[in-house]
Amino acid sequence: MSIAVDPTFLHKLERFGAFDVNACFNCGNCTAVCPLSTGNDSFPRKMIRYAQLGDRERLLAYKELWLCYYCGECSDTCPRQAEPGEFMASARRYAIASYEPTGISYMLYTSKLFTTVFMIVLSAFFALLLLMSRGPMLEGAPHLFAIDETIGFLPFELIHDTGLILFGVAGLAAVGGVARMVSRLRRTMARTKSEEIAGNEKKVGLFTRLTPAVKNVVAELTAQKRYRDCEEEAKKPWYRGRWFIHMSIMWGFIGLGVATGIDYLLMIVADKAPGQPDPLWWPTRLLGTLAGLLMMYGTSFALVERWRKPDKYASHSLLSDWLFLLLLWIAGLTGFVLEVALYLPAMSTWGYIVFLAHVVVSMEVIVLLPFTKFAHSIYRPVALLVHEFSRSRAT
């Protein structure tokens, strides 16, 4: 079987992280000490070898790329300081940039100048778009949204329509990236005929194969069980473990999305006015508050860890790694400040400014979903599902 190699592949990967694979002499220590590496799913040595050989297709097409949670134990014990953990993180960044069809991910990961200019332009565009249609900042009861002919600060329909467009664009980028990844995975699995993937295939029903695959992937993503298997995680209190921080961000973000969706449905079905203070016990308000606290907890700890650099995982961060976390944190903070402002007797100018900042940052979060590190939440489960599904065919 012929394999297409790219002699410049390793140099391309180096733009996505701070590792030195040239120092690696394939001793296998990284694979031996990794608590998540098993006989069937061995890494990072195999992934490093593919990079050294310039075998881009295989590196991008194996699920081991997504099984690593960057415990950092491999980097701590590497006799050559080749930083295999950072290599795996860099390879995932490269994978996201390769799958994503617009090229924005590539530029965000590799150019600080582009990232800075892109965010300034994006912020200015959304702020000007909203301010061009703004209404008065009225004292007294909050008048955040202008609906139909009513007086308010920002037009609800503009925010709603812009949000739908942004979700559509982000969704198309995500779907395009996932489609490219799945195509590559299936093509490479069919070509390699590995024992794990293609083996001695049996005719098994689609539902029979799909059910255990979905079950295993959902269990992995929702409970983060393998993440907790990292030995470094066992040394920390659960509330400071990276697995819990990771889950807090993920479930907090999902919870806020669900609360927003339910609130919007209530506006349609029950003719509920947007932007009005609900009782704290109101289901959507309660869900949004708890989800927001969870997300703020996770993003705050993640940002502090990246600032303090207490371990290998936190010692190497690109600007784009900071970017999405910071935007989520600002969105959460402005959301809580705005929530307090709504319950005050009178809405002052600062409340309207916070509202504008919250809307702008929330729009930026939507835009960046498929282009930054948060894209892991899209690509990782799909990659694991494809491999689990294919494995069930061979067993």
Foldseek 3Di string as FASTA:
>chain_A
DDADFDQCQLVLLCLQWDFALVLDPLPCQLQVPFLQADPVQTDDSVLSVCSNRRRLLVNLQDLSLLSDPLLQPSCVPPPRNRRRSRSSVSNVLVLLCVLQPPNLLVCQRRPPVCVVVVVVVLLVVLLCVFQVAFFDCDKFAAFDEDDDPRGHGGHPVVLVVLLVVLLVVLVVRLVSSLVVSLVSNVVVCVVVCDCQFNNPFDDDDLCVLQVVLVVVLCCCVQVVVSLCSSPSQVVDDVLLGLSQLVNLQVQLVVLLVVLVVVVVVCCVPVVDDPPAQDPCPPVSNVSNVVSLVSNLSSLVSLVVCLVVVPHPVSPMDDPLNNVLSVLSNLLSVLVVVLNVQNPDRIRDPVSNVSVSVNSSSVSVNSNCCSNGPVVSVSNSSSSSSSSSSSSSRND
